[in-house]
């Protein structure tokens, strides 16, 4: 019994504390929040299809589903870590803030006679507050505790400004719902709140600016922590930084290209929204320490394929322009496109290998050194004659390249 409690020490301790103070156990809260997230997720699919708000629904799915999954896993394994509970709350708020406007859009814009339309409009205001909680997750990463008094006070300031913004939004929402007629915009939101005016704009502007400055400070804290960290902690922060950087790049692409008006660019901007899932996924991997040391390989592969894609797109576009515009005898567009495609396909593997070596040398040094060690061993093996020497050399190469806890070599001698 003592061993079982020691192995899962956090869960029983949290359950005993919950029973002592007469509150629900962590398992109960996981069921409640997870069930609410699942119900709102199931309701969102038909609502966004009937209200023709497919894009907003997909964005909520892309961000909310990873937050819900990671939140349940972290809350179940580490119930005292607030990051799991925050991710669950973020997922629930994202789903509800999408369900509400879609429901209100059906009633106010499409003429369906539905009850509780004002409730749906009020739920729509949870979208921005839920995303602001992601910066609290970044600050608390990975243990969910702050050892410095300065950062604890900074978090309290953030929470106070956040509460002021929530109160102002609630008052503005109540005023907009009390007005007649209620104005609903094309996305199902309250026009008077989505486009801030008057006193609400005077509160929202400074509060949003202060929250943005504090959010950048939270990110800066993790940057400083990475410089002072080592071993597992450094790998965890690498996961967070990689997920955050990928999310920022995708956010920039989705915002800048989503409404460009050009079909291809709009498609790229729309697909970039799926990159928002990188942040909660990377947070979950780092906290749960699942395949923690694969991050160097992921970074190098991502950079390599991004560079190769950019180079091939440049080669492809240059060849098409050269064949159709610059040559004295211009080729037809289909012929030029076919030729450029064949050239790009032929260049892919040689270019990928060369770029991968260059990226590994800079970002994944362990793999680069391992590859060099194996290559040197292979060249020595061609001239090796003594079996004992080969065995010792092979064991040394495996130790140097893979760093296993134990190496044993068995040879089947057939006489």
Protein backbone atom coordinates (compact mmCIF):
# COMPACT_ATOMS: atom_id res chain seq x y z
CA UNK A 1 0.00 0.00 0.00
CA UNK A 2 2.82 2.39 0.90
CA UNK A 3 4.51 1.85 -2.47
CA UNK A 4 1.30 2.45 -4.39
CA UNK A 5 0.76 5.74 -2.59
CA UNK A 6 4.34 6.80 -3.18
CA UNK A 7 4.20 6.11 -6.89
CA UNK A 8 1.07 8.16 -7.43
CA UNK A 9 1.68 10.48 -4.49
CA UNK A 10 0.17 13.63 -5.94
CA UNK A 11 -3.23 12.22 -6.82
CA UNK A 12 -4.03 10.64 -3.42
CA UNK A 13 -2.71 13.73 -1.60
CA UNK A 14 -4.89 16.00 -3.72
CA UNK A 15 -7.89 13.75 -3.11
CA UNK A 16 -7.32 13.76 0.68
CA UNK A 17 -7.02 17.56 0.70
CA UNK A 18 -10.21 17.91 -1.34
CA UNK A 19 -12.17 15.65 1.02
CA UNK A 20 -10.79 17.48 4.07
CA UNK A 21 -12.12 20.84 2.88
CA UNK A 22 -15.33 19.45 1.46
CA UNK A 23 -14.63 20.25 -2.19
CA UNK A 24 -14.76 18.01 -5.24
CA UNK A 25 -11.75 15.83 -5.97
CA UNK A 26 -9.49 16.49 -8.98
CA UNK A 27 -11.00 13.51 -10.79
CA UNK A 28 -14.47 15.02 -10.38
CA UNK A 29 -13.32 18.38 -11.75
CA UNK A 30 -11.63 16.67 -14.70
CA UNK A 31 -14.91 14.90 -15.50
CA UNK A 32 -16.92 18.12 -15.15
CA UNK A 33 -14.63 20.36 -17.19
CA UNK A 34 -13.78 17.66 -19.71
CA UNK A 35 -17.46 16.80 -20.12
CA UNK A 36 -18.37 20.46 -20.59
CA UNK A 37 -15.61 20.83 -23.20
CA UNK A 38 -16.82 17.70 -25.00
CA UNK A 39 -20.48 18.82 -24.99
CA UNK A 40 -19.67 22.32 -26.25
CA UNK A 41 -17.38 20.80 -28.88
CA UNK A 42 -20.13 18.46 -30.12
CA UNK A 43 -22.64 21.33 -30.19
CA UNK A 44 -20.24 23.57 -32.10
CA UNK A 45 -20.09 21.43 -35.23
CA UNK A 46 -23.79 21.64 -36.27
CA UNK A 47 -24.06 25.25 -35.07
CA UNK A 48 -21.17 26.50 -37.19
CA UNK A 49 -22.51 24.64 -40.24
CA UNK A 50 -26.06 26.01 -39.85
CA UNK A 51 -24.82 29.53 -39.17
CA UNK A 52 -22.31 29.36 -42.05
CA UNK A 53 -19.47 30.31 -39.68
CA UNK A 54 -17.13 27.52 -40.72
CA UNK A 55 -13.93 29.53 -40.44
CA UNK A 56 -14.53 30.70 -36.86
CA UNK A 57 -15.45 27.18 -35.84
CA UNK A 58 -12.30 25.67 -37.33
CA UNK A 59 -10.11 28.19 -35.54
CA UNK A 60 -11.75 27.29 -32.22
CA UNK A 61 -11.27 23.59 -32.97
CA UNK A 62 -7.61 24.00 -33.86
CA UNK A 63 -6.80 25.86 -30.64
CA UNK A 64 -9.36 24.33 -28.30
CA UNK A 65 -8.97 20.61 -28.97
CA UNK A 66 -5.20 20.49 -28.18
CA UNK A 67 -5.81 22.64 -25.08
CA UNK A 68 -8.53 20.25 -23.89
CA UNK A 69 -6.50 17.08 -24.52
CA UNK A 70 -3.31 18.43 -22.95
CA UNK A 71 -5.30 19.94 -20.07
CA UNK A 72 -6.92 16.60 -19.22
CA UNK A 73 -3.58 14.74 -19.39
CA UNK A 74 -1.72 17.27 -17.23
CA UNK A 75 -4.57 17.65 -14.71
CA UNK A 76 -4.85 13.87 -14.40
CA UNK A 77 -1.13 13.23 -13.87
CA UNK A 78 -0.26 16.44 -12.02
CA UNK A 79 -3.45 17.72 -10.33
CA UNK A 80 -1.54 20.29 -8.29
CA UNK A 81 -0.13 21.92 -11.41
CA UNK A 82 -2.50 24.78 -12.38
CA UNK A 83 -1.39 24.66 -16.02
CA UNK A 84 -3.60 21.65 -16.77
CA UNK A 85 -6.66 23.33 -15.25
CA UNK A 86 -5.95 26.58 -17.08
CA UNK A 87 -5.74 24.76 -20.41
CA UNK A 88 -9.06 23.04 -19.69
CA UNK A 89 -10.70 26.39 -18.86
CA UNK A 90 -9.26 27.91 -22.05
CA UNK A 91 -10.70 25.06 -24.14
CA UNK A 92 -14.16 25.34 -22.54
CA UNK A 93 -14.23 29.13 -23.00
CA UNK A 94 -13.12 28.86 -26.64
CA UNK A 95 -15.83 26.33 -27.45
CA UNK A 96 -18.57 28.26 -25.60
CA UNK A 97 -17.49 31.58 -27.14
CA UNK A 98 -17.93 29.98 -30.56
CA UNK A 99 -21.21 28.21 -29.77
CA UNK A 100 -22.81 31.37 -28.38
CA UNK A 101 -22.36 33.68 -31.39
CA UNK A 102 -23.34 30.91 -33.83
CA UNK A 103 -26.53 30.30 -31.84
CA UNK A 104 -27.25 34.04 -31.68
CA UNK A 105 -26.58 34.42 -35.41
CA UNK A 106 -29.27 31.85 -36.15
CA UNK A 107 -31.76 33.80 -34.06
CA UNK A 108 -30.93 37.44 -34.81
CA UNK A 109 -29.60 37.32 -38.38
CA UNK A 110 -31.25 34.27 -39.97
CA UNK A 111 -34.67 34.74 -38.37
CA UNK A 112 -34.94 31.52 -36.34
CA UNK A 113 -37.04 31.92 -33.20
CA UNK A 114 -34.68 30.58 -30.55
CA UNK A 115 -34.74 31.14 -26.79
CA UNK A 116 -31.79 32.46 -24.75
CA UNK A 117 -30.32 34.46 -27.60
CA UNK A 118 -28.83 37.08 -25.23
CA UNK A 119 -27.01 34.30 -23.35
CA UNK A 120 -25.34 33.24 -26.58
CA UNK A 121 -24.25 36.82 -27.25
CA UNK A 122 -22.81 37.09 -23.74
CA UNK A 123 -20.88 33.84 -24.13
CA UNK A 124 -19.30 35.22 -27.28
CA UNK A 125 -17.31 37.69 -25.18
CA UNK A 126 -15.21 34.88 -23.66
CA UNK A 127 -13.01 34.52 -26.75
CA UNK A 128 -10.36 37.16 -25.98
CA UNK A 129 -10.21 36.50 -22.19
CA UNK A 130 -9.59 32.81 -22.86
CA UNK A 131 -6.63 33.54 -25.15
CA UNK A 132 -5.17 35.95 -22.59
CA UNK A 133 -4.92 33.04 -20.14
CA UNK A 134 -2.34 31.40 -22.42
CA UNK A 135 0.21 33.98 -21.25
CA UNK A 136 -0.41 32.95 -17.64
CA UNK A 137 0.32 29.37 -18.74
CA UNK A 138 3.61 30.56 -20.25
CA UNK A 139 4.55 32.34 -17.01
CA UNK A 140 3.78 29.31 -14.82
CA UNK A 141 5.50 26.82 -17.14
CA UNK A 142 6.53 24.09 -16.34
CA UNK A 143 5.94 23.36 -12.62
CA UNK A 144 3.05 25.79 -12.12
CA UNK A 145 4.85 27.60 -9.28
CA UNK A 146 6.70 30.91 -9.01
CA UNK A 147 9.64 30.95 -6.61
CA UNK A 148 10.34 34.67 -7.02
CA UNK A 149 8.27 37.22 -5.08
CA UNK A 150 8.67 39.70 -7.94
CA UNK A 151 7.00 37.39 -10.43
CA UNK A 152 4.25 36.50 -7.96
CA UNK A 153 3.44 40.18 -7.59
CA UNK A 154 3.62 40.61 -11.39
CA UNK A 155 1.09 37.80 -11.77
CA UNK A 156 -1.20 39.49 -9.26
CA UNK A 157 -1.00 42.75 -11.23
CA UNK A 158 -1.83 40.86 -14.41
CA UNK A 159 -4.81 39.20 -12.73
CA UNK A 160 -6.06 42.57 -11.38
CA UNK A 161 -5.93 44.19 -14.85
CA UNK A 162 -7.53 41.07 -16.31
CA UNK A 163 -10.37 41.32 -13.76
CA UNK A 164 -10.91 45.00 -14.59
CA UNK A 165 -11.11 44.15 -18.30
CA UNK A 166 -13.57 41.32 -17.58
CA UNK A 167 -15.76 43.62 -15.46
CA UNK A 168 -15.73 46.34 -18.12
CA UNK A 169 -16.65 43.78 -20.80
CA UNK A 170 -19.49 42.45 -18.64
CA UNK A 171 -20.90 45.97 -18.10
CA UNK A 172 -20.59 46.84 -21.79
CA UNK A 173 -22.24 43.54 -22.75
CA UNK A 174 -25.13 44.15 -20.34
CA UNK A 175 -25.61 47.64 -21.79
CA UNK A 176 -25.57 46.33 -25.36
CA UNK A 177 -28.12 43.61 -24.50
CA UNK A 178 -30.40 46.17 -22.79
CA UNK A 179 -30.48 48.34 -25.91
CA UNK A 180 -33.26 47.97 -28.46
CA UNK A 181 -32.76 46.73 -31.05
CA UNK A 182 -29.79 44.46 -30.28
CA UNK A 183 -27.15 44.85 -32.98
CA UNK A 184 -25.48 41.63 -34.09
CA UNK A 185 -22.61 41.70 -36.59
CA UNK A 186 -21.88 39.24 -39.41
CA UNK A 187 -19.99 36.83 -37.11
CA UNK A 188 -22.74 36.68 -34.47
CA UNK A 189 -21.06 39.05 -32.00
CA UNK A 190 -22.37 42.15 -30.31
CA UNK A 191 -21.51 45.14 -32.49
CA UNK A 192 -21.40 47.55 -29.54
CA UNK A 193 -18.79 45.40 -27.75
CA UNK A 194 -16.74 44.11 -30.67
CA UNK A 195 -16.26 47.69 -31.87
CA UNK A 196 -15.46 49.46 -28.61
CA UNK A 197 -16.57 53.09 -28.23
CA UNK A 198 -16.93 55.62 -25.42
CA UNK A 199 -15.95 54.66 -21.87
CA UNK A 200 -15.44 51.01 -22.82
CA UNK A 201 -12.79 51.97 -25.39
CA UNK A 202 -11.12 54.20 -22.78
CA UNK A 203 -10.84 51.20 -20.43
CA UNK A 204 -10.10 48.51 -23.00
CA UNK A 205 -7.22 50.34 -24.70
CA UNK A 206 -4.95 50.95 -21.67
CA UNK A 207 -5.86 47.60 -20.10
CA UNK A 208 -5.02 45.73 -23.30
CA UNK A 209 -1.72 47.62 -23.61
CA UNK A 210 -0.69 46.81 -20.03
CA UNK A 211 -1.60 43.15 -20.49
CA UNK A 212 0.45 43.04 -23.68
CA UNK A 213 3.51 44.52 -21.92
CA UNK A 214 3.18 42.06 -19.03
CA UNK A 215 2.77 39.17 -21.49
CA UNK A 216 6.06 40.13 -23.15
CA UNK A 217 7.65 40.17 -19.69
CA UNK A 218 6.35 36.65 -19.09
CA UNK A 219 8.00 35.51 -22.30
CA UNK A 220 11.21 37.31 -21.32
CA UNK A 221 11.26 35.44 -18.01
CA UNK A 222 11.29 32.12 -19.83
CA UNK A 223 14.10 33.35 -22.11
CA UNK A 224 16.20 34.20 -19.06
CA UNK A 225 15.33 30.86 -17.47
CA UNK A 226 16.54 29.04 -20.59
CA UNK A 227 19.94 30.76 -20.40
CA UNK A 228 20.40 29.64 -16.78
CA UNK A 229 18.91 26.15 -17.14
CA UNK A 230 20.41 22.79 -18.06
CA UNK A 231 19.45 19.18 -18.71
CA UNK A 232 15.70 18.42 -18.66
CA UNK A 233 14.67 21.97 -17.83
CA UNK A 234 16.46 23.32 -20.89
CA UNK A 235 14.77 20.72 -23.09
CA UNK A 236 11.37 21.70 -21.65
CA UNK A 237 12.02 25.35 -22.42
CA UNK A 238 13.13 24.38 -25.94
CA UNK A 239 9.74 22.74 -26.47
CA UNK A 240 7.96 25.85 -25.19
CA UNK A 241 10.09 28.19 -27.31
CA UNK A 242 9.66 26.07 -30.45
CA UNK A 243 5.89 25.83 -30.04
CA UNK A 244 5.60 29.52 -29.26
CA UNK A 245 7.76 30.57 -32.22
CA UNK A 246 5.84 28.34 -34.62
CA UNK A 247 2.55 29.70 -33.29
CA UNK A 248 3.74 33.30 -33.72
CA UNK A 249 4.81 32.65 -37.32
CA UNK A 250 1.48 30.99 -38.10
CA UNK A 251 -0.39 33.82 -36.37
CA UNK A 252 1.38 36.37 -38.56
CA UNK A 253 0.64 34.40 -41.72
CA UNK A 254 -3.00 33.78 -40.81
CA UNK A 255 -3.66 37.44 -39.99
CA UNK A 256 -1.73 38.93 -42.92
CA UNK A 257 -2.70 36.47 -45.65
CA UNK A 258 -6.16 35.38 -44.55
CA UNK A 259 -7.87 38.38 -46.18
CA UNK A 260 -5.43 39.01 -49.03
CA UNK A 261 -8.04 38.33 -51.71
CA UNK A 262 -5.78 36.00 -53.71
CA UNK A 263 -6.79 32.37 -53.74
CA UNK A 264 -3.38 30.82 -53.05
CA UNK A 265 -2.38 33.34 -50.36
CA UNK A 266 -5.78 33.07 -48.69
CA UNK A 267 -5.39 29.28 -48.65
CA UNK A 268 -1.97 29.58 -46.99
CA UNK A 269 -3.39 32.04 -44.47
CA UNK A 270 -6.29 29.72 -43.69
CA UNK A 271 -4.05 26.69 -43.23
CA UNK A 272 -1.75 28.73 -40.97
CA UNK A 273 -4.45 28.78 -38.30
CA UNK A 274 -3.73 25.11 -37.69
CA UNK A 275 -0.26 26.10 -36.50
CA UNK A 276 -1.82 27.63 -33.39
CA UNK A 277 -2.07 24.09 -32.02
CA UNK A 278 1.73 23.97 -31.68
CA UNK A 279 1.80 25.93 -28.41
CA UNK A 280 -0.52 23.74 -26.28
CA UNK A 281 0.96 20.56 -27.81
CA UNK A 282 4.53 21.64 -27.03
CA UNK A 283 3.50 22.61 -23.49
CA UNK A 284 1.97 19.17 -22.96
CA UNK A 285 5.04 17.34 -24.28
CA UNK A 286 7.35 19.42 -22.10
CA UNK A 287 5.36 19.03 -18.87
CA UNK A 288 4.67 15.32 -19.30
CA UNK A 289 8.25 14.78 -20.56
CA UNK A 290 7.11 12.50 -23.39
CA UNK A 291 9.95 12.13 -25.94
CA UNK A 292 11.50 15.20 -24.36
CA UNK A 293 14.84 14.93 -26.15
CA UNK A 294 13.36 14.68 -29.66
CA UNK A 295 13.07 18.47 -29.83
CA UNK A 296 16.51 18.98 -31.45
CA UNK A 297 15.61 16.56 -34.23
CA UNK A 298 12.20 18.21 -34.73
CA UNK A 299 13.75 21.69 -34.92
CA UNK A 300 16.40 20.60 -37.42
CA UNK A 301 13.89 18.75 -39.62
CA UNK A 302 11.44 21.68 -39.55
CA UNK A 303 14.13 24.19 -40.48
CA UNK A 304 15.54 21.95 -43.18
CA UNK A 305 12.19 21.36 -44.88
CA UNK A 306 11.25 25.03 -44.57
CA UNK A 307 14.52 26.08 -46.24
CA UNK A 308 14.20 23.43 -48.96
CA UNK A 309 10.60 24.43 -49.64
CA UNK A 310 11.58 28.08 -49.97
CA UNK A 311 14.47 27.29 -52.30
CA UNK A 312 12.37 25.00 -54.49
CA UNK A 313 9.56 27.55 -54.71
CA UNK A 314 12.12 30.13 -55.81
CA UNK A 315 13.61 27.78 -58.40
CA UNK A 316 10.15 26.83 -59.67
CA UNK A 317 8.98 30.44 -60.00
CA UNK A 318 12.26 31.52 -61.62
CA UNK A 319 12.14 28.77 -64.22
CA UNK A 320 8.51 29.50 -65.10
CA UNK A 321 9.23 33.22 -65.52
CA UNK A 322 12.39 32.49 -67.50
CA UNK A 323 10.63 30.10 -69.86
CA UNK A 324 7.56 32.25 -70.44
CA UNK A 325 8.92 35.80 -70.28
CA UNK A 326 12.72 36.12 -70.60
CA UNK A 327 13.68 33.67 -73.37
CA UNK A 328 13.62 34.89 -76.99
CA UNK A 329 11.37 31.96 -77.87
CA UNK A 330 8.82 31.80 -75.08
CA UNK A 331 7.35 28.43 -74.20
CA UNK A 332 3.68 27.93 -73.53
CA UNK A 333 2.65 28.11 -69.88
CA UNK A 334 1.72 24.39 -69.48
CA UNK A 335 5.07 23.30 -70.93
CA UNK A 336 6.97 25.73 -68.68
CA UNK A 337 5.07 24.59 -65.59
CA UNK A 338 5.69 20.92 -66.40
CA UNK A 339 9.40 21.50 -66.98
CA UNK A 340 9.80 23.55 -63.78
CA UNK A 341 7.97 20.87 -61.80
CA UNK A 342 10.30 18.14 -63.08
CA UNK A 343 13.39 20.21 -62.25
CA UNK A 344 12.10 20.95 -58.73
CA UNK A 345 11.29 17.27 -58.16
CA UNK A 346 14.77 16.23 -59.34
CA UNK A 347 16.44 18.77 -57.03
CA UNK A 348 14.44 17.84 -53.92
CA UNK A 349 16.46 14.90 -52.51
CA UNK A 350 19.99 16.26 -53.21
CA UNK A 351 19.03 19.67 -51.86
CA UNK A 352 17.31 18.16 -48.81
CA UNK A 353 20.36 16.09 -47.88
CA UNK A 354 22.75 19.02 -48.23
CA UNK A 355 20.52 21.43 -46.30
CA UNK A 356 19.88 18.80 -43.59
CA UNK A 357 23.63 18.39 -43.03
CA UNK A 358 24.10 22.16 -42.73
CA UNK A 359 21.18 22.51 -40.32
CA UNK A 360 22.28 19.53 -38.21
CA UNK A 361 25.75 21.02 -37.90
CA UNK A 362 24.21 24.14 -36.34
CA UNK A 363 21.05 23.01 -34.51
CA UNK A 364 21.38 19.23 -33.97
CA UNK A 365 25.04 18.78 -33.21
CA UNK A 366 24.55 15.41 -31.52
CA UNK A 367 23.17 13.82 -34.67
CA UNK A 368 25.83 15.49 -36.82
CA UNK A 369 28.62 14.15 -34.59
CA UNK A 370 26.99 10.70 -34.51
CA UNK A 371 26.78 10.58 -38.30
CA UNK A 372 30.45 11.57 -38.60
CA UNK A 373 31.45 8.90 -36.05
CA UNK A 374 29.55 6.19 -37.94
CA UNK A 375 31.04 7.31 -41.25
CA UNK A 376 34.59 7.13 -39.85
CA UNK A 377 33.92 3.67 -38.41
CA UNK A 378 32.56 2.45 -41.75
CA UNK A 379 35.73 3.59 -43.51
CA UNK A 380 37.93 1.82 -40.93
CA UNK A 381 35.83 -1.33 -41.15
CA UNK A 382 36.79 -1.84 -44.80
CA UNK A 383 40.41 -2.52 -43.83
CA UNK A 384 39.79 -4.31 -40.49
CA UNK A 385 40.90 -7.95 -40.20
CA UNK A 386 41.00 -8.70 -36.49
CA UNK A 387 37.57 -9.67 -35.06
CA UNK A 388 38.38 -8.52 -31.50
CA UNK A 389 39.43 -5.11 -32.77
CA UNK A 390 36.18 -4.78 -34.74
CA UNK A 391 34.15 -5.72 -31.66
CA UNK A 392 35.87 -3.16 -29.46
CA UNK A 393 35.66 -0.50 -32.15
CA UNK A 394 31.95 -1.18 -32.71
CA UNK A 395 31.18 -0.95 -28.98
CA UNK A 396 33.07 2.34 -28.77
CA UNK A 397 31.19 3.81 -31.74
CA UNK A 398 27.82 2.80 -30.29
CA UNK A 399 28.74 4.35 -26.93
CA UNK A 400 29.91 7.56 -28.54
CA UNK A 401 27.02 7.94 -30.98
CA UNK A 402 24.04 6.68 -28.95
CA UNK A 403 25.25 6.92 -25.32
CA UNK A 404 23.31 3.83 -24.11
CA UNK A 405 23.32 2.70 -20.49
CA UNK A 406 24.78 -0.71 -21.44
CA UNK A 407 26.27 -2.27 -24.57
CA UNK A 408 26.63 -5.99 -25.22
CA UNK A 409 27.68 -7.70 -28.45
CA UNK A 410 26.87 -11.29 -29.32
CA UNK A 411 28.50 -13.10 -32.25
CA UNK A 412 27.10 -16.33 -33.64
CA UNK A 413 30.10 -18.44 -34.60
CA UNK A 414 29.31 -21.17 -37.13
CA UNK A 415 31.99 -23.62 -37.72
